[in-house]
Amino acid sequence: MLNPPYNGALGTWWSSNPKVMDINQQGFAYAYTSGTATIWFKSASGNTFSPWIMTVSGWYPTEVNEPVY
């Protein structure tokens, strides 16, 4: 999920627990450690969309963090 403008408006991706899973403003999520985080999108007008509860049960370190699709 990317963050293209919709009718000229943008929003912001958020993570409730960025130490477990963070998300960049292009909509790519990154898992860092075991735990739970809620990921959601907030429009410029303040509406919240697409809340997802994400549970990371295991993490295998790599040289480059891979996006979670």
PDB file of N, CA and C in Angstrom:
ATOM      1  N   MET A   1       0.846  -1.172   0.000  1.00  0.00           N
ATOM      2  CA  MET A   1       0.000   0.000   0.000  1.00  0.00           C
ATOM      3  C   MET A   1       0.886   1.228   0.000  1.00  0.00           C
ATOM      4  N   LEU A   2       0.743   2.021  -1.010  1.00  0.00           N
ATOM      5  CA  LEU A   2       1.540   3.224  -1.107  1.00  0.00           C
ATOM      6  C   LEU A   2       0.719   4.421  -0.655  1.00  0.00           C
ATOM      7  N   ASN A   3       1.358   5.556  -0.538  1.00  0.00           N
ATOM      8  CA  ASN A   3       0.723   6.751  -0.010  1.00  0.00           C
ATOM      9  C   ASN A   3       0.619   7.823  -1.093  1.00  0.00           C
ATOM     10  N   PRO A   4      -0.074   7.541  -2.218  1.00  0.00           N
ATOM     11  CA  PRO A   4      -0.202   8.569  -3.245  1.00  0.00           C
ATOM     12  C   PRO A   4      -1.262   9.588  -2.835  1.00  0.00           C
ATOM     13  N   PRO A   5      -1.215  10.803  -3.359  1.00  0.00           N
ATOM     14  CA  PRO A   5      -2.250  11.774  -3.046  1.00  0.00           C
ATOM     15  C   PRO A   5      -3.601  11.321  -3.595  1.00  0.00           C
ATOM     16  N   TYR A   6      -4.638  11.557  -2.851  1.00  0.00           N
ATOM     17  CA  TYR A   6      -5.996  11.266  -3.289  1.00  0.00           C
ATOM     18  C   TYR A   6      -6.756  12.584  -3.311  1.00  0.00           C
ATOM     19  N   ASN A   7      -7.130  13.023  -4.473  1.00  0.00           N
ATOM     20  CA  ASN A   7      -7.757  14.339  -4.639  1.00  0.00           C
ATOM     21  C   ASN A   7      -6.913  15.434  -4.015  1.00  0.00           C
ATOM     22  N   GLY A   8      -5.599  15.303  -4.123  1.00  0.00           N
ATOM     23  CA  GLY A   8      -4.692  16.332  -3.619  1.00  0.00           C
ATOM     24  C   GLY A   8      -4.404  16.243  -2.136  1.00  0.00           C
ATOM     25  N   ALA A   9      -4.964  15.255  -1.427  1.00  0.00           N
ATOM     26  CA  ALA A   9      -4.770  15.142   0.027  1.00  0.00           C
ATOM     27  C   ALA A   9      -3.872  13.961   0.351  1.00  0.00           C
ATOM     28  N   LEU A  10      -3.036  14.116   1.327  1.00  0.00           N
ATOM     29  CA  LEU A  10      -2.185  13.046   1.823  1.00  0.00           C
ATOM     30  C   LEU A  10      -2.542  12.747   3.267  1.00  0.00           C
ATOM     31  N   GLY A  11      -2.004  11.675   3.754  1.00  0.00           N
ATOM     32  CA  GLY A  11      -2.179  11.322   5.149  1.00  0.00           C
ATOM     33  C   GLY A  11      -0.865  10.812   5.698  1.00  0.00           C
ATOM     34  N   THR A  12      -0.950  10.182   6.864  1.00  0.00           N
ATOM     35  CA  THR A  12       0.238   9.713   7.553  1.00  0.00           C
ATOM     36  C   THR A  12       0.014   8.297   8.057  1.00  0.00           C
ATOM     37  N   TRP A  13       1.018   7.447   7.843  1.00  0.00           N
ATOM     38  CA  TRP A  13       1.006   6.099   8.419  1.00  0.00           C
ATOM     39  C   TRP A  13       1.537   6.176   9.845  1.00  0.00           C
ATOM     40  N   TRP A  14       0.980   5.357  10.739  1.00  0.00           N
ATOM     41  CA  TRP A  14       1.384   5.339  12.145  1.00  0.00           C
ATOM     42  C   TRP A  14       1.523   3.911  12.647  1.00  0.00           C
ATOM     43  N   SER A  15       2.403   3.731  13.617  1.00  0.00           N
ATOM     44  CA  SER A  15       2.547   2.465  14.336  1.00  0.00           C
ATOM     45  C   SER A  15       2.407   2.759  15.817  1.00  0.00           C
ATOM     46  N   SER A  16       1.630   1.934  16.507  1.00  0.00           N
ATOM     47  CA  SER A  16       1.478   2.111  17.954  1.00  0.00           C
ATOM     48  C   SER A  16       2.713   1.647  18.714  1.00  0.00           C
ATOM     49  N   ASN A  17       3.548   0.832  18.072  1.00  0.00           N
ATOM     50  CA  ASN A  17       4.722   0.287  18.733  1.00  0.00           C
ATOM     51  C   ASN A  17       5.856   0.150  17.716  1.00  0.00           C
ATOM     52  N   PRO A  18       6.504   1.276  17.360  1.00  0.00           N
ATOM     53  CA  PRO A  18       7.528   1.218  16.316  1.00  0.00           C
ATOM     54  C   PRO A  18       8.756   0.394  16.666  1.00  0.00           C
ATOM     55  N   LYS A  19       8.925   0.030  17.930  1.00  0.00           N
ATOM     56  CA  LYS A  19      10.042  -0.848  18.283  1.00  0.00           C
ATOM     57  C   LYS A  19       9.775  -2.276  17.816  1.00  0.00           C
ATOM     58  N   VAL A  20       8.500  -2.648  17.677  1.00  0.00           N
ATOM     59  CA  VAL A  20       8.119  -3.969  17.166  1.00  0.00           C
ATOM     60  C   VAL A  20       7.963  -3.911  15.653  1.00  0.00           C
ATOM     61  N   MET A  21       7.134  -2.989  15.175  1.00  0.00           N
ATOM     62  CA  MET A  21       6.909  -2.836  13.742  1.00  0.00           C
ATOM     63  C   MET A  21       6.725  -1.362  13.439  1.00  0.00           C
ATOM     64  N   ASP A  22       7.480  -0.875  12.497  1.00  0.00           N
ATOM     65  CA  ASP A  22       7.384   0.522  12.086  1.00  0.00           C
ATOM     66  C   ASP A  22       6.903   0.560  10.646  1.00  0.00           C
ATOM     67  N   ILE A  23       6.396   1.707  10.220  1.00  0.00           N
ATOM     68  CA  ILE A  23       5.921   1.859   8.851  1.00  0.00           C
ATOM     69  C   ILE A  23       6.380   3.206   8.335  1.00  0.00           C
ATOM     70  N   ASN A  24       6.900   3.213   7.110  1.00  0.00           N
ATOM     71  CA  ASN A  24       7.360   4.492   6.570  1.00  0.00           C
ATOM     72  C   ASN A  24       6.212   5.186   5.841  1.00  0.00           C
ATOM     73  N   GLN A  25       6.441   6.387   5.377  1.00  0.00           N
ATOM     74  CA  GLN A  25       5.369   7.170   4.776  1.00  0.00           C
ATOM     75  C   GLN A  25       5.016   6.746   3.359  1.00  0.00           C
ATOM     76  N   GLN A  26       5.701   5.733   2.845  1.00  0.00           N
ATOM     77  CA  GLN A  26       5.297   5.122   1.584  1.00  0.00           C
ATOM     78  C   GLN A  26       4.424   3.891   1.826  1.00  0.00           C
ATOM     79  N   GLY A  27       4.211   3.539   3.095  1.00  0.00           N
ATOM     80  CA  GLY A  27       3.343   2.425   3.439  1.00  0.00           C
ATOM     81  C   GLY A  27       4.036   1.089   3.570  1.00  0.00           C
ATOM     82  N   PHE A  28       5.371   1.066   3.630  1.00  0.00           N
ATOM     83  CA  PHE A  28       6.101  -0.181   3.813  1.00  0.00           C
ATOM     84  C   PHE A  28       6.355  -0.406   5.298  1.00  0.00           C
ATOM     85  N   ALA A  29       5.965  -1.578   5.799  1.00  0.00           N
ATOM     86  CA  ALA A  29       6.127  -1.917   7.216  1.00  0.00           C
ATOM     87  C   ALA A  29       7.384  -2.751   7.411  1.00  0.00           C
ATOM     88  N   TYR A  30       8.030  -2.544   8.540  1.00  0.00           N
ATOM     89  CA  TYR A  30       9.262  -3.251   8.887  1.00  0.00           C
ATOM     90  C   TYR A  30       9.118  -3.855  10.279  1.00  0.00           C
ATOM     91  N   ALA A  31       9.351  -5.165  10.392  1.00  0.00           N
ATOM     92  CA  ALA A  31       9.302  -5.847  11.687  1.00  0.00           C
ATOM     93  C   ALA A  31      10.706  -5.853  12.276  1.00  0.00           C
ATOM     94  N   TYR A  32      10.795  -5.512  13.570  1.00  0.00           N
ATOM     95  CA  TYR A  32      12.098  -5.433  14.227  1.00  0.00           C
ATOM     96  C   TYR A  32      12.286  -6.452  15.342  1.00  0.00           C
ATOM     97  N   THR A  33      11.210  -6.793  16.056  1.00  0.00           N
ATOM     98  CA  THR A  33      11.325  -7.730  17.163  1.00  0.00           C
ATOM     99  C   THR A  33       9.955  -8.340  17.436  1.00  0.00           C
ATOM    100  N   SER A  34       9.892  -9.368  18.257  1.00  0.00           N
ATOM    101  CA  SER A  34       8.609 -10.002  18.589  1.00  0.00           C
ATOM    102  C   SER A  34       7.748  -9.058  19.405  1.00  0.00           C
ATOM    103  N   GLY A  35       6.442  -9.122  19.167  1.00  0.00           N
ATOM    104  CA  GLY A  35       5.492  -8.305  19.914  1.00  0.00           C
ATOM    105  C   GLY A  35       4.298  -7.956  19.050  1.00  0.00           C
ATOM    106  N   THR A  36       3.519  -6.953  19.490  1.00  0.00           N
ATOM    107  CA  THR A  36       2.300  -6.544  18.790  1.00  0.00           C
ATOM    108  C   THR A  36       2.322  -5.043  18.553  1.00  0.00           C
ATOM    109  N   ALA A  37       1.853  -4.648  17.391  1.00  0.00           N
ATOM    110  CA  ALA A  37       1.721  -3.227  17.055  1.00  0.00           C
ATOM    111  C   ALA A  37       0.463  -3.055  16.210  1.00  0.00           C
ATOM    112  N   THR A  38      -0.192  -1.925  16.346  1.00  0.00           N
ATOM    113  CA  THR A  38      -1.309  -1.579  15.480  1.00  0.00           C
ATOM    114  C   THR A  38      -0.795  -0.575  14.464  1.00  0.00           C
ATOM    115  N   ILE A  39      -1.058  -0.859  13.198  1.00  0.00           N
ATOM    116  CA  ILE A  39      -0.649   0.008  12.092  1.00  0.00           C
ATOM    117  C   ILE A  39      -1.925   0.621  11.524  1.00  0.00           C
ATOM    118  N   TRP A  40      -1.915   1.940  11.283  1.00  0.00           N
ATOM    119  CA  TRP A  40      -3.067   2.567  10.666  1.00  0.00           C
ATOM    120  C   TRP A  40      -2.660   3.773   9.851  1.00  0.00           C
ATOM    121  N   PHE A  41      -3.621   4.250   9.044  1.00  0.00           N
ATOM    122  CA  PHE A  41      -3.418   5.414   8.186  1.00  0.00           C
ATOM    123  C   PHE A  41      -4.355   6.506   8.673  1.00  0.00           C
ATOM    124  N   LYS A  42      -3.832   7.713   8.854  1.00  0.00           N
ATOM    125  CA  LYS A  42      -4.638   8.850   9.300  1.00  0.00           C
ATOM    126  C   LYS A  42      -4.607   9.914   8.208  1.00  0.00           C
ATOM    127  N   SER A  43      -5.793  10.289   7.718  1.00  0.00           N
ATOM    128  CA  SER A  43      -5.876  11.286   6.655  1.00  0.00           C
ATOM    129  C   SER A  43      -5.563  12.671   7.210  1.00  0.00           C
ATOM    130  N   ALA A  44      -5.294  13.598   6.309  1.00  0.00           N
ATOM    131  CA  ALA A  44      -5.002  14.975   6.715  1.00  0.00           C
ATOM    132  C   ALA A  44      -6.182  15.598   7.456  1.00  0.00           C
ATOM    133  N   SER A  45      -7.402  15.116   7.201  1.00  0.00           N
ATOM    134  CA  SER A  45      -8.583  15.647   7.889  1.00  0.00           C
ATOM    135  C   SER A  45      -8.804  14.993   9.251  1.00  0.00           C
ATOM    136  N   GLY A  46      -7.955  14.003   9.597  1.00  0.00           N
ATOM    137  CA  GLY A  46      -8.042  13.374  10.912  1.00  0.00           C
ATOM    138  C   GLY A  46      -8.777  12.052  10.950  1.00  0.00           C
ATOM    139  N   ASN A  47      -9.301  11.584   9.815  1.00  0.00           N
ATOM    140  CA  ASN A  47      -9.984  10.290   9.780  1.00  0.00           C
ATOM    141  C   ASN A  47      -8.968   9.160   9.793  1.00  0.00           C
ATOM    142  N   THR A  48      -9.275   8.125  10.557  1.00  0.00           N
ATOM    143  CA  THR A  48      -8.388   6.967  10.662  1.00  0.00           C
ATOM    144  C   THR A  48      -8.929   5.842   9.792  1.00  0.00           C
ATOM    145  N   PHE A  49      -8.049   5.233   9.010  1.00  0.00           N
ATOM    146  CA  PHE A  49      -8.421   4.141   8.111  1.00  0.00           C
ATOM    147  C   PHE A  49      -7.497   2.956   8.328  1.00  0.00           C
ATOM    148  N   SER A  50      -7.992   1.793   7.992  1.00  0.00           N
ATOM    149  CA  SER A  50      -7.201   0.567   7.890  1.00  0.00           C
ATOM    150  C   SER A  50      -6.389   0.223   9.126  1.00  0.00           C
ATOM    151  N   PRO A  51      -7.009   0.176  10.313  1.00  0.00           N
ATOM    152  CA  PRO A  51      -6.203  -0.273  11.463  1.00  0.00           C
ATOM    153  C   PRO A  51      -5.964  -1.773  11.379  1.00  0.00           C
ATOM    154  N   TRP A  52      -4.708  -2.155  11.481  1.00  0.00           N
ATOM    155  CA  TRP A  52      -4.333  -3.566  11.484  1.00  0.00           C
ATOM    156  C   TRP A  52      -3.575  -3.872  12.754  1.00  0.00           C
ATOM    157  N   ILE A  53      -3.962  -4.927  13.437  1.00  0.00           N
ATOM    158  CA  ILE A  53      -3.205  -5.404  14.594  1.00  0.00           C
ATOM    159  C   ILE A  53      -2.214  -6.434  14.066  1.00  0.00           C
ATOM    160  N   MET A  54      -0.935  -6.107  14.194  1.00  0.00           N
ATOM    161  CA  MET A  54       0.122  -6.941  13.650  1.00  0.00           C
ATOM    162  C   MET A  54       0.862  -7.624  14.800  1.00  0.00           C
ATOM    163  N   THR A  55       0.988  -8.940  14.732  1.00  0.00           N
ATOM    164  CA  THR A  55       1.732  -9.701  15.727  1.00  0.00           C
ATOM    165  C   THR A  55       2.972 -10.277  15.057  1.00  0.00           C
ATOM    166  N   VAL A  56       4.121  -9.928  15.596  1.00  0.00           N
ATOM    167  CA  VAL A  56       5.395 -10.451  15.105  1.00  0.00           C
ATOM    168  C   VAL A  56       5.808 -11.539  16.078  1.00  0.00           C
ATOM    169  N   SER A  57       5.816 -12.793  15.605  1.00  0.00           N
ATOM    170  CA  SER A  57       6.127 -13.901  16.509  1.00  0.00           C
ATOM    171  C   SER A  57       7.588 -14.303  16.460  1.00  0.00           C
ATOM    172  N   GLY A  58       8.273 -13.899  15.430  1.00  0.00           N
ATOM    173  CA  GLY A  58       9.688 -14.215  15.331  1.00  0.00           C
ATOM    174  C   GLY A  58      10.329 -13.265  14.347  1.00  0.00           C
ATOM    175  N   TRP A  59      11.564 -12.993  14.574  1.00  0.00           N
ATOM    176  CA  TRP A  59      12.285 -12.082  13.693  1.00  0.00           C
ATOM    177  C   TRP A  59      13.647 -12.659  13.444  1.00  0.00           C
ATOM    178  N   TYR A  60      14.025 -12.694  12.203  1.00  0.00           N
ATOM    179  CA  TYR A  60      15.312 -13.236  11.829  1.00  0.00           C
ATOM    180  C   TYR A  60      16.145 -12.112  11.234  1.00  0.00           C
ATOM    181  N   PRO A  61      17.168 -11.661  11.940  1.00  0.00           N
ATOM    182  CA  PRO A  61      17.951 -10.521  11.452  1.00  0.00           C
ATOM    183  C   PRO A  61      18.625 -10.818  10.115  1.00  0.00           C
ATOM    184  N   THR A  62      18.629  -9.816   9.280  1.00  0.00           N
ATOM    185  CA  THR A  62      19.316  -9.892   7.997  1.00  0.00           C
ATOM    186  C   THR A  62      20.193  -8.657   7.876  1.00  0.00           C
ATOM    187  N   GLU A  63      20.996  -8.632   6.856  1.00  0.00           N
ATOM    188  CA  GLU A  63      21.838  -7.461   6.660  1.00  0.00           C
ATOM    189  C   GLU A  63      21.004  -6.240   6.286  1.00  0.00           C
ATOM    190  N   VAL A  64      19.883  -6.469   5.602  1.00  0.00           N
ATOM    191  CA  VAL A  64      18.992  -5.375   5.214  1.00  0.00           C
ATOM    192  C   VAL A  64      17.593  -5.753   5.666  1.00  0.00           C
ATOM    193  N   ASN A  65      16.903  -4.859   6.371  1.00  0.00           N
ATOM    194  CA  ASN A  65      15.523  -5.134   6.776  1.00  0.00           C
ATOM    195  C   ASN A  65      14.651  -5.211   5.545  1.00  0.00           C
ATOM    196  N   GLU A  66      13.870  -6.278   5.453  1.00  0.00           N
ATOM    197  CA  GLU A  66      13.001  -6.483   4.317  1.00  0.00           C
ATOM    198  C   GLU A  66      11.607  -5.952   4.640  1.00  0.00           C
ATOM    199  N   PRO A  67      10.938  -5.265   3.704  1.00  0.00           N
ATOM    200  CA  PRO A  67       9.562  -4.810   3.953  1.00  0.00           C
ATOM    201  C   PRO A  67       8.613  -5.978   4.150  1.00  0.00           C
ATOM    202  N   VAL A  68       7.612  -5.794   4.963  1.00  0.00           N
ATOM    203  CA  VAL A  68       6.568  -6.786   5.178  1.00  0.00           C
ATOM    204  C   VAL A  68       5.392  -6.391   4.279  1.00  0.00           C
ATOM    205  N   TYR A  69       4.989  -7.291   3.392  1.00  0.00           N
ATOM    206  CA  TYR A  69       3.891  -6.983   2.463  1.00  0.00           C
ATOM    207  C   TYR A  69       2.632  -7.667   2.889  1.00  0.00           C
TER     208      TYR A  69
END
